[in-house]
All heavy atoms as atom14 arrays in JSON, in Angstrom:
{
  "sequence": "RCNERVKFRELLETAMDLDADCMATGHYVRRVLG",
  "atom14_mask": [
    [1, 1, 1, 1, 1, 1, 1, 1, 1, 1, 1, 0, 0, 0],
    [1, 1, 1, 1, 1, 1, 0, 0, 0, 0, 0, 0, 0, 0],
    [1, 1, 1, 1, 1, 1, 1, 1, 0, 0, 0, 0, 0, 0],
    [1, 1, 1, 1, 1, 1, 1, 1, 1, 0, 0, 0, 0, 0],
    [1, 1, 1, 1, 1, 1, 1, 1, 1, 1, 1, 0, 0, 0],
    [1, 1, 1, 1, 1, 1, 1, 0, 0, 0, 0, 0, 0, 0],
    [1, 1, 1, 1, 1, 1, 1, 1, 1, 0, 0, 0, 0, 0],
    [1, 1, 1, 1, 1, 1, 1, 1, 1, 1, 1, 0, 0, 0],
    [1, 1, 1, 1, 1, 1, 1, 1, 1, 1, 1, 0, 0, 0],
    [1, 1, 1, 1, 1, 1, 1, 1, 1, 0, 0, 0, 0, 0],
    [1, 1, 1, 1, 1, 1, 1, 1, 0, 0, 0, 0, 0, 0],
    [1, 1, 1, 1, 1, 1, 1, 1, 0, 0, 0, 0, 0, 0],
    [1, 1, 1, 1, 1, 1, 1, 1, 1, 0, 0, 0, 0, 0],
    [1, 1, 1, 1, 1, 1, 1, 0, 0, 0, 0, 0, 0, 0],
    [1, 1, 1, 1, 1, 0, 0, 0, 0, 0, 0, 0, 0, 0],
    [1, 1, 1, 1, 1, 1, 1, 1, 0, 0, 0, 0, 0, 0],
    [1, 1, 1, 1, 1, 1, 1, 1, 0, 0, 0, 0, 0, 0],
    [1, 1, 1, 1, 1, 1, 1, 1, 0, 0, 0, 0, 0, 0],
    [1, 1, 1, 1, 1, 1, 1, 1, 0, 0, 0, 0, 0, 0],
    [1, 1, 1, 1, 1, 0, 0, 0, 0, 0, 0, 0, 0, 0],
    [1, 1, 1, 1, 1, 1, 1, 1, 0, 0, 0, 0, 0, 0],
    [1, 1, 1, 1, 1, 1, 0, 0, 0, 0, 0, 0, 0, 0],
    [1, 1, 1, 1, 1, 1, 1, 1, 0, 0, 0, 0, 0, 0],
    [1, 1, 1, 1, 1, 0, 0, 0, 0, 0, 0, 0, 0, 0],
    [1, 1, 1, 1, 1, 1, 1, 0, 0, 0, 0, 0, 0, 0],
    [1, 1, 1, 1, 0, 0, 0, 0, 0, 0, 0, 0, 0, 0],
    [1, 1, 1, 1, 1, 1, 1, 1, 1, 1, 0, 0, 0, 0],
    [1, 1, 1, 1, 1, 1, 1, 1, 1, 1, 1, 1, 0, 0],
    [1, 1, 1, 1, 1, 1, 1, 0, 0, 0, 0, 0, 0, 0],
    [1, 1, 1, 1, 1, 1, 1, 1, 1, 1, 1, 0, 0, 0],
    [1, 1, 1, 1, 1, 1, 1, 1, 1, 1, 1, 0, 0, 0],
    [1, 1, 1, 1, 1, 1, 1, 0, 0, 0, 0, 0, 0, 0],
    [1, 1, 1, 1, 1, 1, 1, 1, 0, 0, 0, 0, 0, 0],
    [1, 1, 1, 1, 0, 0, 0, 0, 0, 0, 0, 0, 0, 0]
  ],
  "atom14_positions": [
    [[-51.04, 8.0, 64.25], [-50.63, 6.66, 64.05], [-49.11, 6.63, 63.77], [-48.46, 5.66, 64.22], [-51.35, 6.01, 62.86], [-52.83, 5.68, 63.1], [-53.0, 4.79, 64.26], [-54.28, 4.16, 64.28], [-54.76, 3.38, 65.28], [-54.07, 3.26, 66.38], [-55.96, 2.89, 65.25], [0.0, 0.0, 0.0], [0.0, 0.0, 0.0], [0.0, 0.0, 0.0]],
    [[-48.59, 7.6, 63.22], [-47.12, 7.66, 62.93], [-46.36, 7.78, 64.27], [-45.4, 7.04, 64.59], [-46.75, 8.76, 62.0], [-45.02, 8.93, 61.62], [0.0, 0.0, 0.0], [0.0, 0.0, 0.0], [0.0, 0.0, 0.0], [0.0, 0.0, 0.0], [0.0, 0.0, 0.0], [0.0, 0.0, 0.0], [0.0, 0.0, 0.0], [0.0, 0.0, 0.0]],
    [[-46.89, 8.69, 65.13], [-46.22, 8.8, 66.42], [-46.29, 7.52, 67.25], [-45.33, 7.04, 67.81], [-46.85, 9.95, 67.2], [-46.54, 11.29, 66.7], [-45.38, 11.51, 66.27], [-47.53, 12.21, 66.78], [0.0, 0.0, 0.0], [0.0, 0.0, 0.0], [0.0, 0.0, 0.0], [0.0, 0.0, 0.0], [0.0, 0.0, 0.0], [0.0, 0.0, 0.0]],
    [[-47.48, 6.89, 67.2], [-47.82, 5.65, 67.95], [-47.02, 4.41, 67.4], [-46.37, 3.69, 68.23], [-49.26, 5.4, 67.93], [-49.63, 4.08, 68.62], [-51.14, 3.7, 68.32], [-51.78, 4.35, 67.46], [-51.58, 2.69, 68.94], [0.0, 0.0, 0.0], [0.0, 0.0, 0.0], [0.0, 0.0, 0.0], [0.0, 0.0, 0.0], [0.0, 0.0, 0.0]],
    [[-47.04, 4.21, 66.16], [-46.51, 3.0, 65.61], [-45.12, 3.0, 65.04], [-44.52, 2.01, 64.87], [-47.51, 2.5, 64.51], [-48.88, 2.22, 65.05], [-49.82, 1.82, 63.9], [-51.14, 1.42, 64.47], [-52.18, 1.15, 63.64], [-52.09, 1.31, 62.3], [-53.3, 0.72, 64.16], [0.0, 0.0, 0.0], [0.0, 0.0, 0.0], [0.0, 0.0, 0.0]],
    [[-44.65, 4.21, 64.63], [-43.35, 4.33, 64.1], [-42.36, 5.06, 64.96], [-41.45, 4.43, 65.42], [-43.45, 5.1, 62.67], [-42.04, 5.16, 62.08], [-44.42, 4.39, 61.75], [0.0, 0.0, 0.0], [0.0, 0.0, 0.0], [0.0, 0.0, 0.0], [0.0, 0.0, 0.0], [0.0, 0.0, 0.0], [0.0, 0.0, 0.0], [0.0, 0.0, 0.0]],
    [[-42.62, 6.25, 65.31], [-41.68, 7.01, 66.14], [-41.55, 6.44, 67.6], [-40.45, 6.31, 68.06], [-42.1, 8.49, 66.16], [-41.97, 9.11, 64.82], [-42.47, 10.59, 64.82], [-42.45, 11.16, 63.45], [-43.06, 12.51, 63.35], [0.0, 0.0, 0.0], [0.0, 0.0, 0.0], [0.0, 0.0, 0.0], [0.0, 0.0, 0.0], [0.0, 0.0, 0.0]],
    [[-42.67, 6.19, 68.2], [-42.65, 5.82, 69.63], [-42.68, 4.34, 69.8], [-42.77, 3.81, 70.96], [-43.8, 6.44, 70.37], [-43.66, 7.94, 70.63], [-44.6, 8.66, 71.25], [-42.54, 8.62, 70.11], [-44.42, 10.07, 71.34], [-42.36, 9.97, 70.26], [-43.34, 10.73, 70.88], [0.0, 0.0, 0.0], [0.0, 0.0, 0.0], [0.0, 0.0, 0.0]],
    [[-42.58, 3.57, 68.71], [-42.45, 2.12, 68.8], [-41.19, 1.66, 68.12], [-40.28, 1.27, 68.81], [-43.68, 1.37, 68.3], [-43.62, -0.09, 68.41], [-44.81, -0.78, 67.71], [-46.11, -0.31, 68.23], [-47.29, -0.71, 67.75], [-47.36, -1.42, 66.6], [-48.39, -0.28, 68.25], [0.0, 0.0, 0.0], [0.0, 0.0, 0.0], [0.0, 0.0, 0.0]],
    [[-41.13, 1.74, 66.85], [-40.0, 1.23, 66.14], [-38.74, 2.1, 66.39], [-37.72, 1.53, 66.7], [-40.27, 1.35, 64.6], [-41.48, 0.45, 64.18], [-41.23, -1.02, 64.19], [-40.01, -1.42, 64.21], [-42.25, -1.8, 64.23], [0.0, 0.0, 0.0], [0.0, 0.0, 0.0], [0.0, 0.0, 0.0], [0.0, 0.0, 0.0], [0.0, 0.0, 0.0]],
    [[-38.91, 3.42, 66.34], [-37.67, 4.25, 66.53], [-37.26, 4.18, 68.05], [-36.01, 4.18, 68.31], [-38.0, 5.67, 66.2], [-36.79, 6.71, 66.34], [-35.54, 6.24, 65.64], [-37.25, 8.05, 65.86], [0.0, 0.0, 0.0], [0.0, 0.0, 0.0], [0.0, 0.0, 0.0], [0.0, 0.0, 0.0], [0.0, 0.0, 0.0], [0.0, 0.0, 0.0]],
    [[-38.24, 4.14, 68.91], [-37.82, 4.03, 70.31], [-37.11, 2.72, 70.65], [-36.11, 2.75, 71.4], [-39.14, 4.12, 71.19], [-38.94, 4.39, 72.71], [-40.03, 5.25, 73.25], [-39.03, 2.96, 73.33], [0.0, 0.0, 0.0], [0.0, 0.0, 0.0], [0.0, 0.0, 0.0], [0.0, 0.0, 0.0], [0.0, 0.0, 0.0], [0.0, 0.0, 0.0]],
    [[-37.51, 1.67, 70.02], [-36.79, 0.38, 70.19], [-35.37, 0.43, 69.68], [-34.44, 0.0, 70.2], [-37.52, -0.8, 69.48], [-38.84, -1.12, 70.26], [-39.56, -2.28, 69.51], [-39.09, -2.72, 68.5], [-40.64, -2.63, 70.02], [0.0, 0.0, 0.0], [0.0, 0.0, 0.0], [0.0, 0.0, 0.0], [0.0, 0.0, 0.0], [0.0, 0.0, 0.0]],
    [[-35.24, 1.21, 68.48], [-33.9, 1.37, 67.92], [-32.99, 2.19, 68.86], [-31.86, 1.89, 69.1], [-34.0, 2.13, 66.56], [-34.7, 1.32, 65.65], [-32.63, 2.39, 66.06], [0.0, 0.0, 0.0], [0.0, 0.0, 0.0], [0.0, 0.0, 0.0], [0.0, 0.0, 0.0], [0.0, 0.0, 0.0], [0.0, 0.0, 0.0], [0.0, 0.0, 0.0]],
    [[-33.65, 3.25, 69.51], [-32.86, 4.06, 70.48], [-32.32, 3.18, 71.68], [-31.19, 3.3, 72.14], [-33.72, 5.22, 70.97], [0.0, 0.0, 0.0], [0.0, 0.0, 0.0], [0.0, 0.0, 0.0], [0.0, 0.0, 0.0], [0.0, 0.0, 0.0], [0.0, 0.0, 0.0], [0.0, 0.0, 0.0], [0.0, 0.0, 0.0], [0.0, 0.0, 0.0]],
    [[-33.19, 2.26, 72.11], [-32.77, 1.41, 73.17], [-31.69, 0.44, 72.77], [-30.73, 0.15, 73.48], [-34.01, 0.6, 73.67], [-35.06, 1.39, 74.37], [-36.46, 0.34, 74.99], [-37.33, 1.57, 75.92], [0.0, 0.0, 0.0], [0.0, 0.0, 0.0], [0.0, 0.0, 0.0], [0.0, 0.0, 0.0], [0.0, 0.0, 0.0], [0.0, 0.0, 0.0]],
    [[-31.76, -0.04, 71.47], [-30.69, -0.89, 70.91], [-29.42, -0.2, 70.87], [-28.35, -0.8, 70.92], [-31.06, -1.43, 69.53], [-32.23, -2.43, 69.55], [-32.47, -2.98, 70.68], [-32.96, -2.59, 68.55], [0.0, 0.0, 0.0], [0.0, 0.0, 0.0], [0.0, 0.0, 0.0], [0.0, 0.0, 0.0], [0.0, 0.0, 0.0], [0.0, 0.0, 0.0]],
    [[-29.41, 1.14, 70.78], [-28.18, 1.98, 70.69], [-27.7, 2.33, 72.07], [-26.81, 3.12, 72.26], [-28.44, 3.24, 69.91], [-28.72, 3.08, 68.46], [-29.08, 4.4, 67.82], [-27.4, 2.53, 67.76], [0.0, 0.0, 0.0], [0.0, 0.0, 0.0], [0.0, 0.0, 0.0], [0.0, 0.0, 0.0], [0.0, 0.0, 0.0], [0.0, 0.0, 0.0]],
    [[-28.35, 1.71, 73.12], [-27.91, 1.91, 74.58], [-28.09, 3.33, 74.97], [-27.4, 3.97, 75.84], [-26.39, 1.49, 74.82], [-26.22, 0.02, 74.67], [-27.19, -0.74, 75.04], [-25.19, -0.4, 74.19], [0.0, 0.0, 0.0], [0.0, 0.0, 0.0], [0.0, 0.0, 0.0], [0.0, 0.0, 0.0], [0.0, 0.0, 0.0], [0.0, 0.0, 0.0]],
    [[-29.17, 3.98, 74.35], [-29.53, 5.37, 74.77], [-30.15, 5.35, 76.14], [-30.85, 4.39, 76.52], [-30.43, 5.97, 73.75], [0.0, 0.0, 0.0], [0.0, 0.0, 0.0], [0.0, 0.0, 0.0], [0.0, 0.0, 0.0], [0.0, 0.0, 0.0], [0.0, 0.0, 0.0], [0.0, 0.0, 0.0], [0.0, 0.0, 0.0], [0.0, 0.0, 0.0]],
    [[-29.96, 6.37, 76.92], [-30.65, 6.53, 78.19], [-32.1, 7.04, 78.01], [-32.97, 6.82, 78.83], [-29.88, 7.55, 79.07], [-28.51, 6.98, 79.54], [-28.46, 6.09, 80.39], [-27.52, 7.39, 78.87], [0.0, 0.0, 0.0], [0.0, 0.0, 0.0], [0.0, 0.0, 0.0], [0.0, 0.0, 0.0], [0.0, 0.0, 0.0], [0.0, 0.0, 0.0]],
    [[-32.3, 7.79, 76.93], [-33.58, 8.28, 76.57], [-33.69, 8.75, 75.18], [-32.64, 8.77, 74.39], [-33.93, 9.48, 77.47], [-32.92, 10.93, 77.23], [0.0, 0.0, 0.0], [0.0, 0.0, 0.0], [0.0, 0.0, 0.0], [0.0, 0.0, 0.0], [0.0, 0.0, 0.0], [0.0, 0.0, 0.0], [0.0, 0.0, 0.0], [0.0, 0.0, 0.0]],
    [[-34.86, 9.07, 74.66], [-35.05, 9.6, 73.34], [-35.82, 10.89, 73.45], [-36.78, 10.98, 74.19], [-35.92, 8.64, 72.41], [-36.05, 9.13, 71.01], [-36.82, 7.93, 69.92], [-38.54, 8.37, 70.11], [0.0, 0.0, 0.0], [0.0, 0.0, 0.0], [0.0, 0.0, 0.0], [0.0, 0.0, 0.0], [0.0, 0.0, 0.0], [0.0, 0.0, 0.0]],
    [[-35.28, 11.93, 72.77], [-35.91, 13.27, 72.79], [-36.5, 13.64, 71.49], [-35.99, 13.25, 70.4], [-34.83, 14.29, 73.22], [0.0, 0.0, 0.0], [0.0, 0.0, 0.0], [0.0, 0.0, 0.0], [0.0, 0.0, 0.0], [0.0, 0.0, 0.0], [0.0, 0.0, 0.0], [0.0, 0.0, 0.0], [0.0, 0.0, 0.0], [0.0, 0.0, 0.0]],
    [[-37.67, 14.37, 71.52], [-38.27, 14.81, 70.28], [-38.56, 16.28, 70.35], [-38.47, 16.85, 71.46], [-39.6, 14.09, 70.01], [-40.65, 14.57, 70.86], [-39.47, 12.53, 70.33], [0.0, 0.0, 0.0], [0.0, 0.0, 0.0], [0.0, 0.0, 0.0], [0.0, 0.0, 0.0], [0.0, 0.0, 0.0], [0.0, 0.0, 0.0], [0.0, 0.0, 0.0]],
    [[-39.04, 16.82, 69.25], [-39.29, 18.23, 69.19], [-40.74, 18.59, 69.42], [-41.23, 19.69, 69.13], [0.0, 0.0, 0.0], [0.0, 0.0, 0.0], [0.0, 0.0, 0.0], [0.0, 0.0, 0.0], [0.0, 0.0, 0.0], [0.0, 0.0, 0.0], [0.0, 0.0, 0.0], [0.0, 0.0, 0.0], [0.0, 0.0, 0.0], [0.0, 0.0, 0.0]],
    [[-41.53, 17.62, 69.98], [-42.95, 17.85, 70.24], [-43.24, 18.92, 71.41], [-42.43, 18.9, 72.35], [-43.67, 16.56, 70.66], [-43.81, 15.58, 69.51], [-42.98, 14.51, 69.41], [-44.58, 15.54, 68.47], [-43.35, 13.79, 68.29], [-44.27, 14.48, 67.76], [0.0, 0.0, 0.0], [0.0, 0.0, 0.0], [0.0, 0.0, 0.0], [0.0, 0.0, 0.0]],
    [[-44.28, 19.6, 71.22], [-44.66, 20.6, 72.22], [-45.55, 19.97, 73.23], [-46.79, 20.18, 73.13], [-45.23, 21.83, 71.65], [-44.13, 22.79, 70.96], [-43.75, 22.51, 69.67], [-43.6, 23.82, 71.64], [-42.78, 23.27, 69.05], [-42.6, 24.6, 71.02], [-42.25, 24.3, 69.71], [-41.29, 25.11, 69.12], [0.0, 0.0, 0.0], [0.0, 0.0, 0.0]],
    [[-45.04, 19.17, 74.12], [-45.82, 18.63, 75.28], [-44.83, 18.55, 76.38], [-43.58, 18.81, 76.28], [-46.36, 17.21, 74.95], [-47.41, 17.2, 73.92], [-45.24, 16.24, 74.55], [0.0, 0.0, 0.0], [0.0, 0.0, 0.0], [0.0, 0.0, 0.0], [0.0, 0.0, 0.0], [0.0, 0.0, 0.0], [0.0, 0.0, 0.0], [0.0, 0.0, 0.0]],
    [[-45.33, 18.21, 77.56], [-44.41, 18.11, 78.8], [-44.51, 16.79, 79.4], [-45.65, 16.17, 79.52], [-44.77, 19.21, 79.79], [-44.25, 20.58, 79.29], [-44.57, 21.6, 80.45], [-46.07, 21.81, 80.6], [-46.59, 22.09, 81.82], [-45.87, 22.23, 82.9], [-47.89, 22.16, 81.9], [0.0, 0.0, 0.0], [0.0, 0.0, 0.0], [0.0, 0.0, 0.0]],
    [[-43.44, 16.31, 79.89], [-43.36, 15.08, 80.78], [-43.1, 15.57, 82.17], [-42.06, 16.21, 82.44], [-42.22, 14.16, 80.24], [-41.89, 12.97, 81.07], [-40.67, 12.27, 80.58], [-40.3, 11.09, 81.29], [-39.58, 11.07, 82.38], [-39.08, 12.23, 82.87], [-39.3, 9.94, 82.97], [0.0, 0.0, 0.0], [0.0, 0.0, 0.0], [0.0, 0.0, 0.0]],
    [[-44.07, 15.28, 83.03], [-43.96, 15.76, 84.44], [-43.94, 14.57, 85.33], [-44.78, 13.68, 85.17], [-45.15, 16.71, 84.72], [-45.12, 17.11, 86.26], [-45.15, 17.9, 83.88], [0.0, 0.0, 0.0], [0.0, 0.0, 0.0], [0.0, 0.0, 0.0], [0.0, 0.0, 0.0], [0.0, 0.0, 0.0], [0.0, 0.0, 0.0], [0.0, 0.0, 0.0]],
    [[-43.02, 14.55, 86.31], [-42.95, 13.41, 87.22], [-44.05, 13.64, 88.34], [-44.08, 14.61, 89.05], [-41.58, 13.35, 87.9], [-40.53, 12.78, 87.01], [-39.11, 12.76, 87.78], [-40.79, 11.36, 86.58], [0.0, 0.0, 0.0], [0.0, 0.0, 0.0], [0.0, 0.0, 0.0], [0.0, 0.0, 0.0], [0.0, 0.0, 0.0], [0.0, 0.0, 0.0]],
    [[-44.93, 12.63, 88.49], [-45.99, 12.68, 89.47], [-45.74, 11.57, 90.52], [-44.75, 10.9, 90.47], [0.0, 0.0, 0.0], [0.0, 0.0, 0.0], [0.0, 0.0, 0.0], [0.0, 0.0, 0.0], [0.0, 0.0, 0.0], [0.0, 0.0, 0.0], [0.0, 0.0, 0.0], [0.0, 0.0, 0.0], [0.0, 0.0, 0.0], [0.0, 0.0, 0.0]]
  ]
}
């Protein structure tokens, strides 16, 4: 729930407000372009 509702919602919106191109985290998963 923290990842879903706080980090990837509230914080992600803050990153966008800062004109970031992306947000990076230390999670061990992969994002693969399909």
